[in-house]
Amino acid sequence: MTIFEVDLYVLLFILLAGLLSGFGKTTGLSVLGIFTVTMLSLIFPAKEAVGILLPILLMGDLIAVTYYRRTVVWKHLFSLVPWILVGIVIGYFVLLNIENEQLKILLGFLIIGLNLFQIIRDLFSSRMDQSLPNSIWFIGMIGILAGFATMIGNVAGAVMAVYLLSRRLPKNEFVGTGAWFFLFVNIIKIPFYIQLGMITSGSILINLMVIPAVLIGTFVGIKVLPLIPQQMFKSIILALGTIGAIKLIVQDTFYFILLASGVCLLAGLLVMLLRNRNANVQKNNQQNIEG
């Protein structure tokens, strides 16, 4: 498929994917990667969607590593590399032997699982970050899962967020280290995707049209993020990503509407829970200061 063969609404979806990808790369909001792959999988065959998204993400990676080039912590990446490569190879063989409809279902369940993990981390972040181990098995598990998730669907963001938060990195080092990780793995994936027919000359033409949207997204991410209520924004993106993932799995309209309504209700409850928790934390901190 080339840019001349897509409908206007499809082109708008692709441009939105570029905008959100650029925004996510310069803000560290990993949930955006999950949302964009879900969105593209609804309008393209699953493998084609993943292949179209990779160069878009790579554009954002290049901008992010340029902006955050002085804030990378290399030691946290070097320990992951062997395990990431194992996960990428496993993901390659899965893609080699899976059909588009099967991949849609696999992506749907993987995205729902990662979104649930993200919610659990938001609710219990302090306890999780303190309890996550530094042992080789933890690093190996994270590396293999991140490599597998990024290979089959470009959705390793939530996994890497857990790992980088467990290293207790400041915000800029968190984003900078993550940016270099994704640049590394996305470059490695290119020959695999070409061999699998997921990146073609037609998909590259589509990617070239998205460059302005990626640039705008990265600029907005750098300049406007402080003005956005981040927790509510994340909750909305998680809800939309989960609804999209359900659509990848459930074809029956009635059950999809039922499940999507449930997700919206749970998202609202999550926002309320997080607001109450943050208010209690601020109240306790204020009491400690006054005490």
Protein backbone atom coordinates (compact mmCIF):
# COMPACT_ATOMS: atom_id res chain seq x y z
CA MET A 1 0.00 0.00 0.00
CA THR A 2 1.28 3.51 -0.86
CA ILE A 3 0.20 6.97 0.25
CA PHE A 4 -1.80 7.31 -3.00
CA GLU A 5 -3.90 4.23 -2.19
CA VAL A 6 -5.13 5.15 1.30
CA ASP A 7 -8.42 6.84 2.16
CA LEU A 8 -8.43 10.26 3.81
CA TYR A 9 -9.56 8.92 7.20
CA VAL A 10 -6.77 6.31 7.09
CA LEU A 11 -4.23 9.03 6.34
CA LEU A 12 -5.54 11.06 9.28
CA PHE A 13 -5.11 8.03 11.55
CA ILE A 14 -1.52 7.60 10.34
CA LEU A 15 -0.75 11.29 10.93
CA LEU A 16 -2.28 11.03 14.41
CA ALA A 17 -0.07 8.00 15.08
CA GLY A 18 2.97 10.07 14.07
CA LEU A 19 1.90 12.98 16.28
CA LEU A 20 1.33 10.75 19.32
CA SER A 21 4.54 8.79 18.72
CA GLY A 22 6.61 11.97 18.65
CA PHE A 23 4.86 13.25 21.76
CA GLY A 24 5.45 9.99 23.61
CA LYS A 25 9.15 9.91 22.74
CA THR A 26 9.93 13.26 24.36
CA THR A 27 7.72 12.82 27.43
CA GLY A 28 8.34 9.21 28.45
CA LEU A 29 4.61 8.39 28.21
CA SER A 30 4.95 4.75 27.19
CA VAL A 31 1.17 4.23 27.05
CA LEU A 32 1.10 6.21 23.80
CA GLY A 33 3.05 3.50 22.00
CA ILE A 34 0.47 0.93 23.07
CA PHE A 35 -2.36 3.18 21.90
CA THR A 36 -0.84 3.90 18.48
CA VAL A 37 -0.22 0.24 17.61
CA THR A 38 -3.78 -0.56 18.67
CA MET A 39 -5.13 2.26 16.51
CA LEU A 40 -3.18 1.24 13.41
CA SER A 41 -4.08 -2.44 13.88
CA LEU A 42 -7.74 -1.49 13.56
CA ILE A 43 -7.27 -0.06 10.04
CA PHE A 44 -4.43 -2.22 8.66
CA PRO A 45 -3.62 -5.94 8.77
CA ALA A 46 -1.71 -6.51 12.02
CA LYS A 47 1.73 -7.17 10.50
CA GLU A 48 1.41 -4.20 8.13
CA ALA A 49 0.39 -1.94 11.03
CA VAL A 50 3.43 -2.96 13.08
CA GLY A 51 5.71 -2.45 10.06
CA ILE A 52 4.30 1.02 9.30
CA LEU A 53 4.72 2.08 12.92
CA LEU A 54 8.41 1.11 13.30
CA PRO A 55 9.95 3.87 11.10
CA ILE A 56 7.57 6.39 12.69
CA LEU A 57 8.88 5.42 16.12
CA LEU A 58 12.45 5.54 14.84
CA MET A 59 11.98 9.17 13.74
CA GLY A 60 10.86 10.05 17.25
CA ASP A 61 13.79 8.10 18.74
CA LEU A 62 16.32 10.11 16.72
CA ILE A 63 14.85 13.40 17.92
CA ALA A 64 14.59 12.20 21.53
CA VAL A 65 18.21 11.00 21.75
CA THR A 66 19.37 14.30 20.26
CA TYR A 67 17.45 16.32 22.84
CA TYR A 68 18.30 14.04 25.80
CA ARG A 69 21.80 13.02 24.63
CA ARG A 70 23.45 14.01 27.92
CA THR A 71 21.03 12.23 30.25
CA VAL A 72 21.50 8.55 29.34
CA VAL A 73 22.70 6.09 32.03
CA TRP A 74 24.50 3.46 29.95
CA LYS A 75 25.04 0.87 32.69
CA HIS A 76 21.29 0.28 32.95
CA LEU A 77 21.14 -0.52 29.23
CA PHE A 78 24.25 -2.70 28.91
CA SER A 79 22.96 -5.22 31.45
CA LEU A 80 19.76 -5.67 29.41
CA VAL A 81 21.26 -6.10 25.92
CA PRO A 82 21.83 -9.91 25.84
CA TRP A 83 18.34 -10.60 27.18
CA ILE A 84 16.70 -8.12 24.80
CA LEU A 85 18.32 -9.90 21.85
CA VAL A 86 16.90 -13.22 23.08
CA GLY A 87 13.42 -11.68 23.25
CA ILE A 88 13.75 -10.19 19.75
CA VAL A 89 14.74 -13.57 18.27
CA ILE A 90 11.77 -15.27 19.98
CA GLY A 91 9.47 -12.55 18.64
CA TYR A 92 10.88 -12.99 15.13
CA PHE A 93 10.04 -16.70 15.05
CA VAL A 94 6.54 -15.95 16.36
CA LEU A 95 5.99 -13.41 13.54
CA LEU A 96 7.38 -15.90 11.03
CA ASN A 97 4.75 -18.49 11.94
CA ILE A 98 1.67 -16.44 12.79
CA GLU A 99 -1.16 -15.14 10.60
CA ASN A 100 -2.53 -11.58 10.70
CA GLU A 101 -5.73 -12.54 12.53
CA GLN A 102 -3.78 -14.55 15.10
CA LEU A 103 -1.37 -11.65 15.58
CA LYS A 104 -4.30 -9.28 16.16
CA ILE A 105 -5.57 -11.49 18.98
CA LEU A 106 -2.06 -11.89 20.44
CA LEU A 107 -1.51 -8.12 20.32
CA GLY A 108 -4.90 -7.54 21.92
CA PHE A 109 -4.13 -9.76 24.91
CA LEU A 110 -0.56 -8.43 25.21
CA ILE A 111 -1.77 -4.81 25.17
CA ILE A 112 -4.47 -5.51 27.76
CA GLY A 113 -1.89 -7.25 29.97
CA LEU A 114 0.56 -4.36 29.68
CA ASN A 115 -2.19 -1.83 30.40
CA LEU A 116 -3.21 -3.75 33.53
CA PHE A 117 0.43 -3.84 34.59
CA GLN A 118 0.63 -0.07 34.06
CA ILE A 119 -2.47 0.46 36.22
CA ILE A 120 -1.08 -1.73 39.01
CA ARG A 121 2.19 0.21 38.86
CA ASP A 122 0.32 3.55 39.07
CA LEU A 123 -1.64 2.37 42.12
CA PHE A 124 1.26 0.74 43.96
CA SER A 125 4.28 2.48 42.42
CA SER A 126 6.23 3.24 45.61
CA ARG A 127 5.91 -0.29 47.00
CA MET A 128 6.68 -1.90 43.62
CA ASP A 129 9.76 0.24 43.01
CA GLN A 130 11.13 -0.63 46.46
CA SER A 131 10.47 -4.37 46.14
CA LEU A 132 11.74 -4.95 42.59
CA PRO A 133 15.01 -6.87 42.83
CA ASN A 134 18.40 -6.19 41.25
CA SER A 135 19.05 -9.88 40.62
CA ILE A 136 19.99 -11.34 37.24
CA TRP A 137 16.65 -13.17 36.94
CA PHE A 138 14.71 -9.90 37.19
CA ILE A 139 16.93 -8.17 34.61
CA GLY A 140 16.73 -11.23 32.36
CA MET A 141 12.94 -11.44 32.63
CA ILE A 142 12.51 -7.74 31.85
CA GLY A 143 14.96 -7.91 28.93
CA ILE A 144 13.34 -10.94 27.28
CA LEU A 145 9.82 -9.57 27.74
CA ALA A 146 10.84 -6.13 26.42
CA GLY A 147 12.58 -7.67 23.40
CA PHE A 148 9.60 -9.91 22.63
CA ALA A 149 7.02 -7.13 23.09
CA THR A 150 8.91 -4.67 20.92
CA MET A 151 9.47 -7.25 18.19
CA ILE A 152 5.89 -8.45 17.77
CA GLY A 153 4.12 -5.13 18.27
CA ASN A 154 6.38 -2.17 19.18
CA VAL A 155 4.83 -2.24 22.67
CA ALA A 156 7.77 -2.56 25.08
CA GLY A 157 7.21 0.86 26.64
CA ALA A 158 5.33 -0.31 29.74
CA VAL A 159 7.92 -3.02 30.44
CA MET A 160 10.82 -0.59 30.15
CA ALA A 161 9.02 1.96 32.31
CA VAL A 162 8.92 -0.55 35.17
CA TYR A 163 12.62 -1.35 34.77
CA LEU A 164 13.76 2.28 34.57
CA LEU A 165 11.60 3.31 37.52
CA SER A 166 13.11 0.48 39.56
CA ARG A 167 16.51 2.14 38.91
CA ARG A 168 15.11 5.33 40.56
CA LEU A 169 16.23 7.62 37.75
CA PRO A 170 15.39 11.34 37.69
CA LYS A 171 12.86 12.32 35.02
CA ASN A 172 15.34 13.49 32.35
CA GLU A 173 17.57 10.44 32.82
CA PHE A 174 14.47 8.23 32.70
CA VAL A 175 13.43 9.68 29.32
CA GLY A 176 16.99 9.84 27.95
CA THR A 177 17.88 6.26 28.88
CA GLY A 178 14.58 5.01 27.50
CA ALA A 179 15.12 6.94 24.26
CA TRP A 180 18.49 5.27 23.66
CA PHE A 181 17.00 1.85 24.44
CA PHE A 182 14.26 2.26 21.83
CA LEU A 183 16.67 3.65 19.23
CA PHE A 184 18.89 0.57 19.74
CA VAL A 185 16.12 -2.04 19.51
CA ASN A 186 14.26 -0.32 16.67
CA ILE A 187 17.38 -0.23 14.49
CA ILE A 188 17.99 -3.94 15.20
CA LYS A 189 14.40 -4.77 14.19
CA ILE A 190 14.60 -3.17 10.73
CA PRO A 191 16.27 -6.08 8.85
CA PHE A 192 13.90 -8.56 10.53
CA TYR A 193 10.85 -6.56 9.47
CA ILE A 194 12.15 -6.18 5.90
CA GLN A 195 12.78 -9.93 5.68
CA LEU A 196 9.26 -10.61 6.97
CA GLY A 197 7.77 -8.22 4.39
CA MET A 198 6.45 -5.88 7.11
CA ILE A 199 8.47 -2.91 5.81
CA THR A 200 8.17 -2.29 2.06
CA SER A 201 8.79 0.53 -0.40
CA GLY A 202 5.08 1.37 -0.16
CA SER A 203 5.12 1.61 3.64
CA ILE A 204 8.25 3.80 3.52
CA LEU A 205 6.39 6.30 1.29
CA ILE A 206 3.67 6.48 3.94
CA ASN A 207 6.33 7.02 6.63
CA LEU A 208 7.86 9.94 4.70
CA MET A 209 4.50 11.72 4.73
CA VAL A 210 4.33 11.39 8.52
CA ILE A 211 7.64 13.17 9.27
CA PRO A 212 6.01 16.61 9.89
CA ALA A 213 3.52 15.05 12.34
CA VAL A 214 6.35 13.36 14.28
CA LEU A 215 8.28 16.64 14.45
CA ILE A 216 5.21 18.51 15.72
CA GLY A 217 4.57 15.78 18.30
CA THR A 218 8.10 15.93 19.69
CA PHE A 219 7.96 19.73 19.93
CA VAL A 220 4.61 19.61 21.72
CA GLY A 221 5.97 16.94 24.06
CA ILE A 222 8.92 19.12 25.04
CA LYS A 223 7.04 22.41 25.41
CA VAL A 224 3.48 21.62 26.46
CA LEU A 225 3.70 18.61 28.80
CA PRO A 226 3.96 20.73 32.01
CA LEU A 227 0.53 22.22 31.19
CA ILE A 228 -1.25 18.85 30.87
CA PRO A 229 -2.78 16.98 33.86
CA GLN A 230 -0.54 13.97 33.32
CA GLN A 231 -2.41 11.34 35.36
CA MET A 232 -5.77 12.03 33.73
CA PHE A 233 -4.09 12.05 30.31
CA LYS A 234 -2.48 8.65 30.98
CA SER A 235 -5.78 7.22 32.20
CA ILE A 236 -7.60 8.34 29.04
CA ILE A 237 -4.91 6.85 26.80
CA LEU A 238 -4.94 3.60 28.79
CA ALA A 239 -8.71 3.37 28.43
CA LEU A 240 -8.62 4.07 24.68
CA GLY A 241 -5.78 1.57 24.20
CA THR A 242 -7.67 -1.10 26.12
CA ILE A 243 -10.88 -0.48 24.16
CA GLY A 244 -8.90 -0.81 20.93
CA ALA A 245 -7.26 -4.01 22.17
CA ILE A 246 -10.69 -5.46 23.01
CA LYS A 247 -11.80 -4.64 19.46
CA LEU A 248 -8.81 -6.61 18.13
CA ILE A 249 -10.04 -9.67 20.06
CA VAL A 250 -13.86 -9.34 20.09
CA GLN A 251 -15.63 -9.07 16.73
CA ASP A 252 -19.24 -9.19 18.02
CA THR A 253 -20.55 -5.59 18.28
CA PHE A 254 -22.78 -6.18 21.34
CA TYR A 255 -20.02 -7.73 23.46
CA PHE A 256 -17.54 -5.09 22.29
CA ILE A 257 -19.85 -2.24 23.39
CA LEU A 258 -20.47 -4.00 26.70
CA LEU A 259 -16.76 -4.48 27.42
CA ALA A 260 -15.85 -0.99 26.19
CA SER A 261 -18.45 0.54 28.54
CA GLY A 262 -16.92 -1.42 31.41
CA VAL A 263 -13.46 -0.12 30.53
CA CYS A 264 -14.71 3.49 30.54
CA LEU A 265 -16.31 2.96 33.96
CA LEU A 266 -13.13 1.43 35.37
CA ALA A 267 -11.04 4.26 33.89
CA GLY A 268 -13.21 6.80 35.71
CA LEU A 269 -12.83 4.89 38.97
CA LEU A 270 -9.06 4.71 38.44
CA VAL A 271 -8.81 8.48 38.03
CA MET A 272 -10.80 8.97 41.26
CA LEU A 273 -8.61 6.47 43.16
CA LEU A 274 -5.39 8.09 41.98
CA ARG A 275 -6.68 11.58 42.80
CA ASN A 276 -7.62 10.50 46.32
CA ARG A 277 -4.29 8.75 46.81
CA ASN A 278 -2.32 11.79 45.61
CA ALA A 279 -4.39 14.08 47.83
CA ASN A 280 -3.69 11.85 50.85
CA VAL A 281 0.03 11.75 50.05
CA GLN A 282 0.16 15.55 49.80
CA LYS A 283 -1.78 15.89 53.06
CA ASN A 284 0.58 13.51 54.88
CA ASN A 285 3.63 15.32 53.50
CA GLN A 286 2.23 18.66 54.64
CA GLN A 287 1.55 17.27 58.12
CA ASN A 288 5.10 15.90 58.31
CA ILE A 289 6.52 19.29 57.33
CA GLU A 290 4.38 21.11 59.89
CA GLY A 291 5.23 18.49 62.52
